[in-house]
Amino acid sequence: TAALYDGLELRYPVHPHAGLAGVGAV
Protein backbone atom coordinates (compact mmCIF):
# COMPACT_ATOMS: atom_id res chain seq x y z
CA THR A 1 0.00 0.00 0.00
CA ALA A 2 2.75 2.45 0.96
CA ALA A 3 4.65 1.81 -2.28
CA LEU A 4 1.53 2.45 -4.36
CA TYR A 5 0.74 5.73 -2.60
CA ASP A 6 4.38 6.78 -2.66
CA GLY A 7 4.35 6.47 -6.44
CA LEU A 8 1.01 8.22 -6.99
CA GLU A 9 -0.06 11.72 -5.95
CA LEU A 10 -3.81 11.73 -5.37
CA ARG A 11 -5.72 14.63 -6.84
CA TYR A 12 -7.78 16.47 -4.25
CA PRO A 13 -10.62 15.83 -3.34
CA VAL A 14 -9.84 12.09 -3.58
CA HIS A 15 -9.24 10.68 -0.10
CA PRO A 16 -6.38 8.20 0.39
CA HIS A 17 -8.34 5.64 2.42
CA ALA A 18 -9.77 2.65 0.54
CA GLY A 19 -8.70 2.99 -3.13
CA LEU A 20 -5.16 1.66 -3.36
CA ALA A 21 -5.37 0.34 0.20
CA GLY A 22 -7.68 -2.41 -1.05
CA VAL A 23 -4.96 -3.61 -3.41
CA GLY A 24 -2.39 -3.57 -0.62
CA ALA A 25 -4.79 -5.30 1.77
CA VAL A 26 -5.32 -8.25 -0.55
PDB file of all heavy atoms in Angstrom:
ATOM      1  N   THR A   1       0.831  -1.209   0.000  1.00  0.00           N
ATOM      2  CA  THR A   1       0.000   0.000   0.000  1.00  0.00           C
ATOM      3  C   THR A   1       0.861   1.253   0.000  1.00  0.00           C
ATOM      4  O   THR A   1       0.621   2.202  -0.766  1.00  0.00           O
ATOM      5  CB  THR A   1      -0.931   0.007   1.229  1.00  0.00           C
ATOM      6  OG1 THR A   1      -1.723  -1.178   1.232  1.00  0.00           O
ATOM      7  CG2 THR A   1      -1.838   1.224   1.216  1.00  0.00           C
ATOM      8  N   ALA A   2       1.883   1.276   0.863  1.00  0.00           N
ATOM      9  CA  ALA A   2       2.752   2.449   0.959  1.00  0.00           C
ATOM     10  C   ALA A   2       3.485   2.701  -0.354  1.00  0.00           C
ATOM     11  O   ALA A   2       3.635   3.854  -0.785  1.00  0.00           O
ATOM     12  CB  ALA A   2       3.748   2.271   2.096  1.00  0.00           C
ATOM     13  N   ALA A   3       3.939   1.648  -1.012  1.00  0.00           N
ATOM     14  CA  ALA A   3       4.646   1.810  -2.283  1.00  0.00           C
ATOM     15  C   ALA A   3       3.726   2.393  -3.350  1.00  0.00           C
ATOM     16  O   ALA A   3       4.132   3.269  -4.138  1.00  0.00           O
ATOM     17  CB  ALA A   3       5.214   0.477  -2.740  1.00  0.00           C
ATOM     18  N   LEU A   4       2.479   1.925  -3.382  1.00  0.00           N
ATOM     19  CA  LEU A   4       1.530   2.452  -4.360  1.00  0.00           C
ATOM     20  C   LEU A   4       1.265   3.941  -4.136  1.00  0.00           C
ATOM     21  O   LEU A   4       1.288   4.744  -5.077  1.00  0.00           O
ATOM     22  CB  LEU A   4       0.218   1.665  -4.278  1.00  0.00           C
ATOM     23  CG  LEU A   4       0.252   0.246  -4.849  1.00  0.00           C
ATOM     24  CD1 LEU A   4      -1.002  -0.518  -4.449  1.00  0.00           C
ATOM     25  CD2 LEU A   4       0.392   0.279  -6.369  1.00  0.00           C
ATOM     26  N   TYR A   5       1.028   4.319  -2.881  1.00  0.00           N
ATOM     27  CA  TYR A   5       0.740   5.728  -2.597  1.00  0.00           C
ATOM     28  C   TYR A   5       1.989   6.603  -2.720  1.00  0.00           C
ATOM     29  O   TYR A   5       1.884   7.799  -3.005  1.00  0.00           O
ATOM     30  CB  TYR A   5       0.117   5.881  -1.212  1.00  0.00           C
ATOM     31  CG  TYR A   5      -1.363   5.585  -1.199  1.00  0.00           C
ATOM     32  CD1 TYR A   5      -1.878   4.523  -0.463  1.00  0.00           C
ATOM     33  CD2 TYR A   5      -2.245   6.369  -1.929  1.00  0.00           C
ATOM     34  CE1 TYR A   5      -3.233   4.257  -0.458  1.00  0.00           C
ATOM     35  CE2 TYR A   5      -3.601   6.107  -1.931  1.00  0.00           C
ATOM     36  CZ  TYR A   5      -4.096   5.052  -1.195  1.00  0.00           C
ATOM     37  OH  TYR A   5      -5.441   4.787  -1.197  1.00  0.00           O
ATOM     38  N   ASP A   6       3.147   6.008  -2.502  1.00  0.00           N
ATOM     39  CA  ASP A   6       4.384   6.776  -2.658  1.00  0.00           C
ATOM     40  C   ASP A   6       4.626   7.105  -4.123  1.00  0.00           C
ATOM     41  O   ASP A   6       5.251   8.115  -4.456  1.00  0.00           O
ATOM     42  CB  ASP A   6       5.564   5.981  -2.095  1.00  0.00           C
ATOM     43  CG  ASP A   6       6.788   6.856  -1.868  1.00  0.00           C
ATOM     44  OD1 ASP A   6       6.614   8.039  -1.510  1.00  0.00           O
ATOM     45  OD2 ASP A   6       7.916   6.368  -2.035  1.00  0.00           O
ATOM     46  N   GLY A   7       4.128   6.258  -5.008  1.00  0.00           N
ATOM     47  CA  GLY A   7       4.347   6.470  -6.436  1.00  0.00           C
ATOM     48  C   GLY A   7       3.230   7.219  -7.127  1.00  0.00           C
ATOM     49  O   GLY A   7       3.326   7.516  -8.320  1.00  0.00           O
ATOM     50  N   LEU A   8       2.151   7.533  -6.386  1.00  0.00           N
ATOM     51  CA  LEU A   8       1.013   8.219  -6.994  1.00  0.00           C
ATOM     52  C   LEU A   8       0.562   9.364  -6.106  1.00  0.00           C
ATOM     53  O   LEU A   8       0.368   9.189  -4.899  1.00  0.00           O
ATOM     54  CB  LEU A   8      -0.146   7.245  -7.203  1.00  0.00           C
ATOM     55  CG  LEU A   8       0.066   6.168  -8.271  1.00  0.00           C
ATOM     56  CD1 LEU A   8      -0.968   5.066  -8.127  1.00  0.00           C
ATOM     57  CD2 LEU A   8      -0.018   6.780  -9.667  1.00  0.00           C
ATOM     58  N   GLU A   9       0.402  10.533  -6.671  1.00  0.00           N
ATOM     59  CA  GLU A   9      -0.060  11.720  -5.952  1.00  0.00           C
ATOM     60  C   GLU A   9      -1.550  11.877  -6.220  1.00  0.00           C
ATOM     61  O   GLU A   9      -1.973  12.187  -7.339  1.00  0.00           O
ATOM     62  CB  GLU A   9       0.690  12.962  -6.444  1.00  0.00           C
ATOM     63  CG  GLU A   9       0.274  14.234  -5.749  1.00  0.00           C
ATOM     64  CD  GLU A   9       0.774  14.305  -4.319  1.00  0.00           C
ATOM     65  OE1 GLU A   9       1.894  13.831  -4.055  1.00  0.00           O
ATOM     66  OE2 GLU A   9       0.036  14.845  -3.473  1.00  0.00           O
ATOM     67  N   LEU A  10      -2.367  11.626  -5.183  1.00  0.00           N
ATOM     68  CA  LEU A  10      -3.806  11.734  -5.368  1.00  0.00           C
ATOM     69  C   LEU A  10      -4.210  13.172  -5.663  1.00  0.00           C
ATOM     70  O   LEU A  10      -3.675  14.116  -5.106  1.00  0.00           O
ATOM     71  CB  LEU A  10      -4.541  11.260  -4.115  1.00  0.00           C
ATOM     72  CG  LEU A  10      -4.430   9.776  -3.774  1.00  0.00           C
ATOM     73  CD1 LEU A  10      -5.272   9.457  -2.547  1.00  0.00           C
ATOM     74  CD2 LEU A  10      -4.847   8.898  -4.948  1.00  0.00           C
ATOM     75  N   ARG A  11      -5.181  13.314  -6.532  1.00  0.00           N
ATOM     76  CA  ARG A  11      -5.725  14.631  -6.843  1.00  0.00           C
ATOM     77  C   ARG A  11      -6.854  14.944  -5.860  1.00  0.00           C
ATOM     78  O   ARG A  11      -7.827  14.209  -5.763  1.00  0.00           O
ATOM     79  CB  ARG A  11      -6.262  14.667  -8.274  1.00  0.00           C
ATOM     80  CG  ARG A  11      -5.195  14.502  -9.338  1.00  0.00           C
ATOM     81  CD  ARG A  11      -5.811  14.478 -10.726  1.00  0.00           C
ATOM     82  NE  ARG A  11      -4.799  14.361 -11.768  1.00  0.00           N
ATOM     83  CZ  ARG A  11      -5.067  14.204 -13.046  1.00  0.00           C
ATOM     84  NH1 ARG A  11      -6.330  14.152 -13.453  1.00  0.00           N
ATOM     85  NH2 ARG A  11      -4.094  14.088 -13.930  1.00  0.00           N
ATOM     86  N   TYR A  12      -6.701  16.037  -5.140  1.00  0.00           N
ATOM     87  CA  TYR A  12      -7.778  16.472  -4.255  1.00  0.00           C
ATOM     88  C   TYR A  12      -9.032  16.733  -5.106  1.00  0.00           C
ATOM     89  O   TYR A  12      -8.903  17.281  -6.207  1.00  0.00           O
ATOM     90  CB  TYR A  12      -7.344  17.758  -3.533  1.00  0.00           C
ATOM     91  CG  TYR A  12      -8.383  18.306  -2.597  1.00  0.00           C
ATOM     92  CD1 TYR A  12      -8.544  17.774  -1.330  1.00  0.00           C
ATOM     93  CD2 TYR A  12      -9.220  19.342  -3.003  1.00  0.00           C
ATOM     94  CE1 TYR A  12      -9.513  18.275  -0.476  1.00  0.00           C
ATOM     95  CE2 TYR A  12     -10.178  19.841  -2.156  1.00  0.00           C
ATOM     96  CZ  TYR A  12     -10.332  19.299  -0.900  1.00  0.00           C
ATOM     97  OH  TYR A  12     -11.289  19.784  -0.060  1.00  0.00           O
ATOM     98  N   PRO A  13     -10.244  16.266  -4.682  1.00  0.00           N
ATOM     99  CA  PRO A  13     -10.623  15.831  -3.341  1.00  0.00           C
ATOM    100  C   PRO A  13     -10.650  14.331  -3.114  1.00  0.00           C
ATOM    101  O   PRO A  13     -11.396  13.868  -2.239  1.00  0.00           O
ATOM    102  CB  PRO A  13     -12.037  16.414  -3.222  1.00  0.00           C
ATOM    103  CG  PRO A  13     -12.605  16.248  -4.599  1.00  0.00           C
ATOM    104  CD  PRO A  13     -11.456  16.511  -5.538  1.00  0.00           C
ATOM    105  N   VAL A  14      -9.878  13.530  -3.854  1.00  0.00           N
ATOM    106  CA  VAL A  14      -9.835  12.094  -3.581  1.00  0.00           C
ATOM    107  C   VAL A  14      -9.178  11.853  -2.227  1.00  0.00           C
ATOM    108  O   VAL A  14      -8.135  12.444  -1.923  1.00  0.00           O
ATOM    109  CB  VAL A  14      -9.069  11.350  -4.691  1.00  0.00           C
ATOM    110  CG1 VAL A  14      -8.999   9.857  -4.386  1.00  0.00           C
ATOM    111  CG2 VAL A  14      -9.737  11.586  -6.035  1.00  0.00           C
ATOM    112  N   HIS A  15      -9.780  11.001  -1.429  1.00  0.00           N
ATOM    113  CA  HIS A  15      -9.236  10.683  -0.105  1.00  0.00           C
ATOM    114  C   HIS A  15      -8.386   9.414  -0.201  1.00  0.00           C
ATOM    115  O   HIS A  15      -8.738   8.490  -0.936  1.00  0.00           O
ATOM    116  CB  HIS A  15     -10.379  10.489   0.899  1.00  0.00           C
ATOM    117  CG  HIS A  15      -9.932  10.480   2.324  1.00  0.00           C
ATOM    118  ND1 HIS A  15      -9.376   9.361   2.912  1.00  0.00           N
ATOM    119  CD2 HIS A  15      -9.946  11.443   3.279  1.00  0.00           C
ATOM    120  CE1 HIS A  15      -9.064   9.645   4.169  1.00  0.00           C
ATOM    121  NE2 HIS A  15      -9.397  10.897   4.414  1.00  0.00           N
ATOM    122  N   PRO A  16      -7.285   9.336   0.548  1.00  0.00           N
ATOM    123  CA  PRO A  16      -6.377   8.196   0.391  1.00  0.00           C
ATOM    124  C   PRO A  16      -6.877   6.881   0.963  1.00  0.00           C
ATOM    125  O   PRO A  16      -6.347   5.820   0.613  1.00  0.00           O
ATOM    126  CB  PRO A  16      -5.106   8.644   1.132  1.00  0.00           C
ATOM    127  CG  PRO A  16      -5.580   9.657   2.121  1.00  0.00           C
ATOM    128  CD  PRO A  16      -6.710  10.369   1.437  1.00  0.00           C
ATOM    129  N   HIS A  17      -7.871   6.906   1.859  1.00  0.00           N
ATOM    130  CA  HIS A  17      -8.340   5.637   2.422  1.00  0.00           C
ATOM    131  C   HIS A  17      -9.157   4.875   1.376  1.00  0.00           C
ATOM    132  O   HIS A  17      -9.912   5.456   0.613  1.00  0.00           O
ATOM    133  CB  HIS A  17      -9.196   5.878   3.663  1.00  0.00           C
ATOM    134  CG  HIS A  17      -8.418   6.404   4.828  1.00  0.00           C
ATOM    135  ND1 HIS A  17      -8.979   6.626   6.057  1.00  0.00           N
ATOM    136  CD2 HIS A  17      -7.120   6.754   4.954  1.00  0.00           C
ATOM    137  CE1 HIS A  17      -8.059   7.091   6.893  1.00  0.00           C
ATOM    138  NE2 HIS A  17      -6.919   7.185   6.231  1.00  0.00           N
ATOM    139  N   ALA A  18      -8.987   3.585   1.356  1.00  0.00           N
ATOM    140  CA  ALA A  18      -9.771   2.649   0.541  1.00  0.00           C
ATOM    141  C   ALA A  18      -9.144   2.341  -0.808  1.00  0.00           C
ATOM    142  O   ALA A  18      -8.665   1.230  -1.006  1.00  0.00           O
ATOM    143  CB  ALA A  18     -11.220   3.103   0.368  1.00  0.00           C
ATOM    144  N   GLY A  19      -9.100   3.290  -1.759  1.00  0.00           N
ATOM    145  CA  GLY A  19      -8.699   2.995  -3.134  1.00  0.00           C
ATOM    146  C   GLY A  19      -7.560   2.027  -3.316  1.00  0.00           C
ATOM    147  O   GLY A  19      -7.743   0.833  -3.557  1.00  0.00           O
ATOM    148  N   LEU A  20      -6.333   2.523  -3.198  1.00  0.00           N
ATOM    149  CA  LEU A  20      -5.163   1.662  -3.359  1.00  0.00           C
ATOM    150  C   LEU A  20      -4.942   0.770  -2.152  1.00  0.00           C
ATOM    151  O   LEU A  20      -4.273  -0.265  -2.244  1.00  0.00           O
ATOM    152  CB  LEU A  20      -3.922   2.529  -3.614  1.00  0.00           C
ATOM    153  CG  LEU A  20      -3.917   3.278  -4.942  1.00  0.00           C
ATOM    154  CD1 LEU A  20      -2.793   4.311  -4.976  1.00  0.00           C
ATOM    155  CD2 LEU A  20      -3.793   2.314  -6.108  1.00  0.00           C
ATOM    156  N   ALA A  21      -5.518   1.161  -1.007  1.00  0.00           N
ATOM    157  CA  ALA A  21      -5.369   0.342   0.196  1.00  0.00           C
ATOM    158  C   ALA A  21      -6.005  -1.030   0.012  1.00  0.00           C
ATOM    159  O   ALA A  21      -5.537  -2.022   0.588  1.00  0.00           O
ATOM    160  CB  ALA A  21      -5.995   1.054   1.396  1.00  0.00           C
ATOM    161  N   GLY A  22      -7.056  -1.108  -0.795  1.00  0.00           N
ATOM    162  CA  GLY A  22      -7.680  -2.405  -1.047  1.00  0.00           C
ATOM    163  C   GLY A  22      -6.750  -3.352  -1.787  1.00  0.00           C
ATOM    164  O   GLY A  22      -6.748  -4.564  -1.542  1.00  0.00           O
ATOM    165  N   VAL A  23      -5.944  -2.793  -2.692  1.00  0.00           N
ATOM    166  CA  VAL A  23      -4.963  -3.611  -3.411  1.00  0.00           C
ATOM    167  C   VAL A  23      -3.888  -4.093  -2.441  1.00  0.00           C
ATOM    168  O   VAL A  23      -3.522  -5.274  -2.426  1.00  0.00           O
ATOM    169  CB  VAL A  23      -4.333  -2.812  -4.567  1.00  0.00           C
ATOM    170  CG1 VAL A  23      -3.312  -3.666  -5.307  1.00  0.00           C
ATOM    171  CG2 VAL A  23      -5.413  -2.317  -5.522  1.00  0.00           C
ATOM    172  N   GLY A  24      -3.394  -3.183  -1.605  1.00  0.00           N
ATOM    173  CA  GLY A  24      -2.394  -3.574  -0.625  1.00  0.00           C
ATOM    174  C   GLY A  24      -2.933  -4.574   0.381  1.00  0.00           C
ATOM    175  O   GLY A  24      -2.236  -5.518   0.782  1.00  0.00           O
ATOM    176  N   ALA A  25      -4.194  -4.400   0.783  1.00  0.00           N
ATOM    177  CA  ALA A  25      -4.787  -5.302   1.771  1.00  0.00           C
ATOM    178  C   ALA A  25      -4.870  -6.731   1.253  1.00  0.00           C
ATOM    179  O   ALA A  25      -4.619  -7.687   1.994  1.00  0.00           O
ATOM    180  CB  ALA A  25      -6.173  -4.802   2.169  1.00  0.00           C
ATOM    181  N   VAL A  26      -5.209  -6.896  -0.017  1.00  0.00           N
ATOM    182  CA  VAL A  26      -5.319  -8.252  -0.548  1.00  0.00           C
ATOM    183  C   VAL A  26      -3.937  -8.880  -0.727  1.00  0.00           C
ATOM    184  O   VAL A  26      -3.783 -10.108  -0.642  1.00  0.00           O
ATOM    185  CB  VAL A  26      -6.133  -8.281  -1.854  1.00  0.00           C
ATOM    186  CG1 VAL A  26      -5.312  -7.888  -3.058  1.00  0.00           C
ATOM    187  CG2 VAL A  26      -6.753  -9.658  -2.067  1.00  0.00           C
TER     188      VAL A  26
END
